[in-house]
Amino acid sequence: MNAIELSNVNYSSDQFNLKNISFKVPQGFVTGFIGRNGAGKTTIIRLIMDLYQPQTGVY
């Protein structure tokens, strides 16, 4: 069972675009996000927390 699952999620704002983001985090796993500044780490967390609404995809 997956605690978090994103499938083909797209999100865009005036300054930022995420395209076709897909990943699964199994229940009980600890997961971290690593990436350069501006890579979309915080935006993905905000999508997971339902603070942002994706244009397309399932989460």
PDB file of N, CA and C in Angstrom:
ATOM      1  N   MET A   1       0.844  -1.180   0.000  1.00  0.00           N
ATOM      2  CA  MET A   1       0.000   0.000   0.000  1.00  0.00           C
ATOM      3  C   MET A   1       0.888   1.241   0.000  1.00  0.00           C
ATOM      4  N   ASN A   2       0.481   2.248  -0.749  1.00  0.00           N
ATOM      5  CA  ASN A   2       1.245   3.489  -0.843  1.00  0.00           C
ATOM      6  C   ASN A   2       0.640   4.569   0.044  1.00  0.00           C
ATOM      7  N   ALA A   3       1.501   5.254   0.792  1.00  0.00           N
ATOM      8  CA  ALA A   3       1.051   6.378   1.606  1.00  0.00           C
ATOM      9  C   ALA A   3       0.830   7.607   0.736  1.00  0.00           C
ATOM     10  N   ILE A   4       1.675   7.767  -0.291  1.00  0.00           N
ATOM     11  CA  ILE A   4       1.583   8.897  -1.219  1.00  0.00           C
ATOM     12  C   ILE A   4       1.793   8.368  -2.623  1.00  0.00           C
ATOM     13  N   GLU A   5       0.973   8.843  -3.550  1.00  0.00           N
ATOM     14  CA  GLU A   5       1.149   8.460  -4.947  1.00  0.00           C
ATOM     15  C   GLU A   5       0.740   9.624  -5.843  1.00  0.00           C
ATOM     16  N   LEU A   6       1.632  10.015  -6.713  1.00  0.00           N
ATOM     17  CA  LEU A   6       1.348  11.024  -7.728  1.00  0.00           C
ATOM     18  C   LEU A   6       1.512  10.363  -9.083  1.00  0.00           C
ATOM     19  N   SER A   7       0.596  10.646  -9.983  1.00  0.00           N
ATOM     20  CA  SER A   7       0.643  10.039 -11.310  1.00  0.00           C
ATOM     21  C   SER A   7       0.391  11.097 -12.379  1.00  0.00           C
ATOM     22  N   ASN A   8       1.418  11.383 -13.159  1.00  0.00           N
ATOM     23  CA  ASN A   8       1.336  12.337 -14.271  1.00  0.00           C
ATOM     24  C   ASN A   8       0.784  13.698 -13.847  1.00  0.00           C
ATOM     25  N   VAL A   9       1.261  14.208 -12.726  1.00  0.00           N
ATOM     26  CA  VAL A   9       0.799  15.492 -12.202  1.00  0.00           C
ATOM     27  C   VAL A   9       1.503  16.632 -12.936  1.00  0.00           C
ATOM     28  N   ASN A  10       0.724  17.610 -13.359  1.00  0.00           N
ATOM     29  CA  ASN A  10       1.231  18.825 -13.988  1.00  0.00           C
ATOM     30  C   ASN A  10       0.750  20.023 -13.184  1.00  0.00           C
ATOM     31  N   TYR A  11       1.660  20.958 -12.960  1.00  0.00           N
ATOM     32  CA  TYR A  11       1.314  22.180 -12.248  1.00  0.00           C
ATOM     33  C   TYR A  11       2.101  23.319 -12.874  1.00  0.00           C
ATOM     34  N   SER A  12       1.451  24.443 -13.055  1.00  0.00           N
ATOM     35  CA  SER A  12       2.174  25.614 -13.554  1.00  0.00           C
ATOM     36  C   SER A  12       1.639  26.870 -12.887  1.00  0.00           C
ATOM     37  N   SER A  13       2.540  27.808 -12.693  1.00  0.00           N
ATOM     38  CA  SER A  13       2.187  29.134 -12.187  1.00  0.00           C
ATOM     39  C   SER A  13       2.841  30.146 -13.120  1.00  0.00           C
ATOM     40  N   ASP A  14       2.790  31.402 -12.752  1.00  0.00           N
ATOM     41  CA  ASP A  14       3.394  32.441 -13.590  1.00  0.00           C
ATOM     42  C   ASP A  14       4.900  32.252 -13.765  1.00  0.00           C
ATOM     43  N   GLN A  15       5.551  31.670 -12.756  1.00  0.00           N
ATOM     44  CA  GLN A  15       7.007  31.581 -12.774  1.00  0.00           C
ATOM     45  C   GLN A  15       7.537  30.153 -12.776  1.00  0.00           C
ATOM     46  N   PHE A  16       6.656  29.144 -12.777  1.00  0.00           N
ATOM     47  CA  PHE A  16       7.135  27.785 -12.530  1.00  0.00           C
ATOM     48  C   PHE A  16       6.269  26.763 -13.251  1.00  0.00           C
ATOM     49  N   ASN A  17       6.897  25.682 -13.741  1.00  0.00           N
ATOM     50  CA  ASN A  17       6.176  24.576 -14.373  1.00  0.00           C
ATOM     51  C   ASN A  17       6.715  23.245 -13.874  1.00  0.00           C
ATOM     52  N   LEU A  18       5.819  22.350 -13.517  1.00  0.00           N
ATOM     53  CA  LEU A  18       6.155  20.947 -13.262  1.00  0.00           C
ATOM     54  C   LEU A  18       5.389  20.132 -14.284  1.00  0.00           C
ATOM     55  N   LYS A  19       6.060  19.183 -14.930  1.00  0.00           N
ATOM     56  CA  LYS A  19       5.407  18.394 -15.969  1.00  0.00           C
ATOM     57  C   LYS A  19       5.591  16.908 -15.708  1.00  0.00           C
ATOM     58  N   ASN A  20       4.483  16.170 -15.747  1.00  0.00           N
ATOM     59  CA  ASN A  20       4.467  14.706 -15.669  1.00  0.00           C
ATOM     60  C   ASN A  20       5.246  14.157 -14.477  1.00  0.00           C
ATOM     61  N   ILE A  21       4.943  14.652 -13.285  1.00  0.00           N
ATOM     62  CA  ILE A  21       5.584  14.163 -12.067  1.00  0.00           C
ATOM     63  C   ILE A  21       4.839  12.919 -11.598  1.00  0.00           C
ATOM     64  N   SER A  22       5.571  11.834 -11.422  1.00  0.00           N
ATOM     65  CA  SER A  22       4.989  10.581 -10.941  1.00  0.00           C
ATOM     66  C   SER A  22       5.945   9.944  -9.942  1.00  0.00           C
ATOM     67  N   PHE A  23       5.423   9.530  -8.798  1.00  0.00           N
ATOM     68  CA  PHE A  23       6.206   8.738  -7.850  1.00  0.00           C
ATOM     69  C   PHE A  23       5.275   8.128  -6.815  1.00  0.00           C
ATOM     70  N   LYS A  24       5.802   7.114  -6.111  1.00  0.00           N
ATOM     71  CA  LYS A  24       5.062   6.434  -5.052  1.00  0.00           C
ATOM     72  C   LYS A  24       5.941   6.372  -3.814  1.00  0.00           C
ATOM     73  N   VAL A  25       5.330   6.575  -2.652  1.00  0.00           N
ATOM     74  CA  VAL A  25       6.007   6.410  -1.377  1.00  0.00           C
ATOM     75  C   VAL A  25       5.238   5.342  -0.613  1.00  0.00           C
ATOM     76  N   PRO A  26       5.827   4.153  -0.457  1.00  0.00           N
ATOM     77  CA  PRO A  26       5.132   3.092   0.266  1.00  0.00           C
ATOM     78  C   PRO A  26       4.904   3.470   1.733  1.00  0.00           C
ATOM     79  N   GLN A  27       3.833   2.950   2.289  1.00  0.00           N
ATOM     80  CA  GLN A  27       3.516   3.209   3.690  1.00  0.00           C
ATOM     81  C   GLN A  27       4.659   2.712   4.568  1.00  0.00           C
ATOM     82  N   GLY A  28       5.054   3.517   5.544  1.00  0.00           N
ATOM     83  CA  GLY A  28       6.115   3.147   6.469  1.00  0.00           C
ATOM     84  C   GLY A  28       7.514   3.556   6.021  1.00  0.00           C
ATOM     85  N   PHE A  29       7.666   4.101   4.824  1.00  0.00           N
ATOM     86  CA  PHE A  29       8.973   4.523   4.324  1.00  0.00           C
ATOM     87  C   PHE A  29       9.216   5.989   4.649  1.00  0.00           C
ATOM     88  N   VAL A  30      10.463   6.324   4.894  1.00  0.00           N
ATOM     89  CA  VAL A  30      10.880   7.709   5.072  1.00  0.00           C
ATOM     90  C   VAL A  30      11.493   8.156   3.754  1.00  0.00           C
ATOM     91  N   THR A  31      11.047   9.296   3.249  1.00  0.00           N
ATOM     92  CA  THR A  31      11.483   9.763   1.934  1.00  0.00           C
ATOM     93  C   THR A  31      11.917  11.217   2.019  1.00  0.00           C
ATOM     94  N   GLY A  32      12.971  11.552   1.308  1.00  0.00           N
ATOM     95  CA  GLY A  32      13.451  12.929   1.253  1.00  0.00           C
ATOM     96  C   GLY A  32      13.459  13.428  -0.178  1.00  0.00           C
ATOM     97  N   PHE A  33      13.418  14.728  -0.341  1.00  0.00           N
ATOM     98  CA  PHE A  33      13.500  15.361  -1.653  1.00  0.00           C
ATOM     99  C   PHE A  33      14.834  16.090  -1.741  1.00  0.00           C
ATOM    100  N   ILE A  34      15.601  15.745  -2.752  1.00  0.00           N
ATOM    101  CA  ILE A  34      16.901  16.369  -2.971  1.00  0.00           C
ATOM    102  C   ILE A  34      16.897  16.987  -4.358  1.00  0.00           C
ATOM    103  N   GLY A  35      17.354  18.216  -4.458  1.00  0.00           N
ATOM    104  CA  GLY A  35      17.427  18.861  -5.765  1.00  0.00           C
ATOM    105  C   GLY A  35      17.961  20.269  -5.650  1.00  0.00           C
ATOM    106  N   ARG A  36      18.272  20.839  -6.787  1.00  0.00           N
ATOM    107  CA  ARG A  36      18.792  22.197  -6.844  1.00  0.00           C
ATOM    108  C   ARG A  36      17.715  23.202  -6.458  1.00  0.00           C
ATOM    109  N   ASN A  37      18.140  24.415  -6.147  1.00  0.00           N
ATOM    110  CA  ASN A  37      17.198  25.502  -5.884  1.00  0.00           C
ATOM    111  C   ASN A  37      16.306  25.691  -7.100  1.00  0.00           C
ATOM    112  N   GLY A  38      15.007  25.825  -6.856  1.00  0.00           N
ATOM    113  CA  GLY A  38      14.070  26.049  -7.947  1.00  0.00           C
ATOM    114  C   GLY A  38      13.664  24.799  -8.701  1.00  0.00           C
ATOM    115  N   ALA A  39      14.034  23.622  -8.191  1.00  0.00           N
ATOM    116  CA  ALA A  39      13.726  22.371  -8.891  1.00  0.00           C
ATOM    117  C   ALA A  39      12.278  21.923  -8.706  1.00  0.00           C
ATOM    118  N   GLY A  40      11.574  22.471  -7.705  1.00  0.00           N
ATOM    119  CA  GLY A  40      10.178  22.119  -7.493  1.00  0.00           C
ATOM    120  C   GLY A  40       9.899  21.307  -6.243  1.00  0.00           C
ATOM    121  N   LYS A  41      10.879  21.180  -5.364  1.00  0.00           N
ATOM    122  CA  LYS A  41      10.700  20.384  -4.148  1.00  0.00           C
ATOM    123  C   LYS A  41       9.554  20.910  -3.283  1.00  0.00           C
ATOM    124  N   THR A  42       9.563  22.186  -2.997  1.00  0.00           N
ATOM    125  CA  THR A  42       8.520  22.781  -2.160  1.00  0.00           C
ATOM    126  C   THR A  42       7.170  22.737  -2.855  1.00  0.00           C
ATOM    127  N   THR A  43       7.144  22.943  -4.146  1.00  0.00           N
ATOM    128  CA  THR A  43       5.887  22.884  -4.896  1.00  0.00           C
ATOM    129  C   THR A  43       5.282  21.490  -4.821  1.00  0.00           C
ATOM    130  N   ILE A  44       6.099  20.453  -4.928  1.00  0.00           N
ATOM    131  CA  ILE A  44       5.599  19.077  -4.813  1.00  0.00           C
ATOM    132  C   ILE A  44       5.013  18.841  -3.426  1.00  0.00           C
ATOM    133  N   ILE A  45       5.700  19.302  -2.383  1.00  0.00           N
ATOM    134  CA  ILE A  45       5.175  19.155  -1.019  1.00  0.00           C
ATOM    135  C   ILE A  45       3.845  19.885  -0.884  1.00  0.00           C
ATOM    136  N   ARG A  46       3.740  21.067  -1.444  1.00  0.00           N
ATOM    137  CA  ARG A  46       2.484  21.827  -1.368  1.00  0.00           C
ATOM    138  C   ARG A  46       1.370  21.143  -2.151  1.00  0.00           C
ATOM    139  N   LEU A  47       1.692  20.493  -3.246  1.00  0.00           N
ATOM    140  CA  LEU A  47       0.691  19.704  -3.979  1.00  0.00           C
ATOM    141  C   LEU A  47       0.217  18.530  -3.128  1.00  0.00           C
ATOM    142  N   ILE A  48       1.149  17.835  -2.483  1.00  0.00           N
ATOM    143  CA  ILE A  48       0.797  16.698  -1.628  1.00  0.00           C
ATOM    144  C   ILE A  48      -0.087  17.156  -0.474  1.00  0.00           C
ATOM    145  N   MET A  49       0.217  18.325   0.098  1.00  0.00           N
ATOM    146  CA  MET A  49      -0.550  18.842   1.236  1.00  0.00           C
ATOM    147  C   MET A  49      -1.861  19.497   0.812  1.00  0.00           C
ATOM    148  N   ASP A  50      -2.149  19.497  -0.488  1.00  0.00           N
ATOM    149  CA  ASP A  50      -3.382  20.055  -1.042  1.00  0.00           C
ATOM    150  C   ASP A  50      -3.448  21.580  -0.899  1.00  0.00           C
ATOM    151  N   LEU A  51      -2.287  22.220  -0.808  1.00  0.00           N
ATOM    152  CA  LEU A  51      -2.239  23.678  -0.789  1.00  0.00           C
ATOM    153  C   LEU A  51      -2.288  24.240  -2.200  1.00  0.00           C
ATOM    154  N   TYR A  52      -1.811  23.459  -3.165  1.00  0.00           N
ATOM    155  CA  TYR A  52      -1.895  23.792  -4.585  1.00  0.00           C
ATOM    156  C   TYR A  52      -2.730  22.722  -5.272  1.00  0.00           C
ATOM    157  N   GLN A  53      -3.420  23.092  -6.329  1.00  0.00           N
ATOM    158  CA  GLN A  53      -4.211  22.150  -7.119  1.00  0.00           C
ATOM    159  C   GLN A  53      -3.519  21.919  -8.458  1.00  0.00           C
ATOM    160  N   PRO A  54      -3.258  20.659  -8.815  1.00  0.00           N
ATOM    161  CA  PRO A  54      -2.615  20.393 -10.103  1.00  0.00           C
ATOM    162  C   PRO A  54      -3.572  20.656 -11.262  1.00  0.00           C
ATOM    163  N   GLN A  55      -3.013  21.004 -12.419  1.00  0.00           N
ATOM    164  CA  GLN A  55      -3.842  21.189 -13.606  1.00  0.00           C
ATOM    165  C   GLN A  55      -4.323  19.837 -14.133  1.00  0.00           C
ATOM    166  N   THR A  56      -3.455  18.836 -14.096  1.00  0.00           N
ATOM    167  CA  THR A  56      -3.819  17.483 -14.519  1.00  0.00           C
ATOM    168  C   THR A  56      -3.115  16.480 -13.625  1.00  0.00           C
ATOM    169  N   GLY A  57      -3.550  15.237 -13.697  1.00  0.00           N
ATOM    170  CA  GLY A  57      -2.918  14.157 -12.955  1.00  0.00           C
ATOM    171  C   GLY A  57      -3.724  13.745 -11.745  1.00  0.00           C
ATOM    172  N   VAL A  58      -3.235  12.691 -11.104  1.00  0.00           N
ATOM    173  CA  VAL A  58      -3.910  12.099  -9.947  1.00  0.00           C
ATOM    174  C   VAL A  58      -2.934  12.082  -8.782  1.00  0.00           C
ATOM    175  N   TYR A  59      -3.432  12.467  -7.607  1.00  0.00           N
ATOM    176  CA  TYR A  59      -2.606  12.382  -6.397  1.00  0.00           C
ATOM    177  C   TYR A  59      -3.451  12.005  -5.214  1.00  0.00           C
TER     178      TYR A  59
END
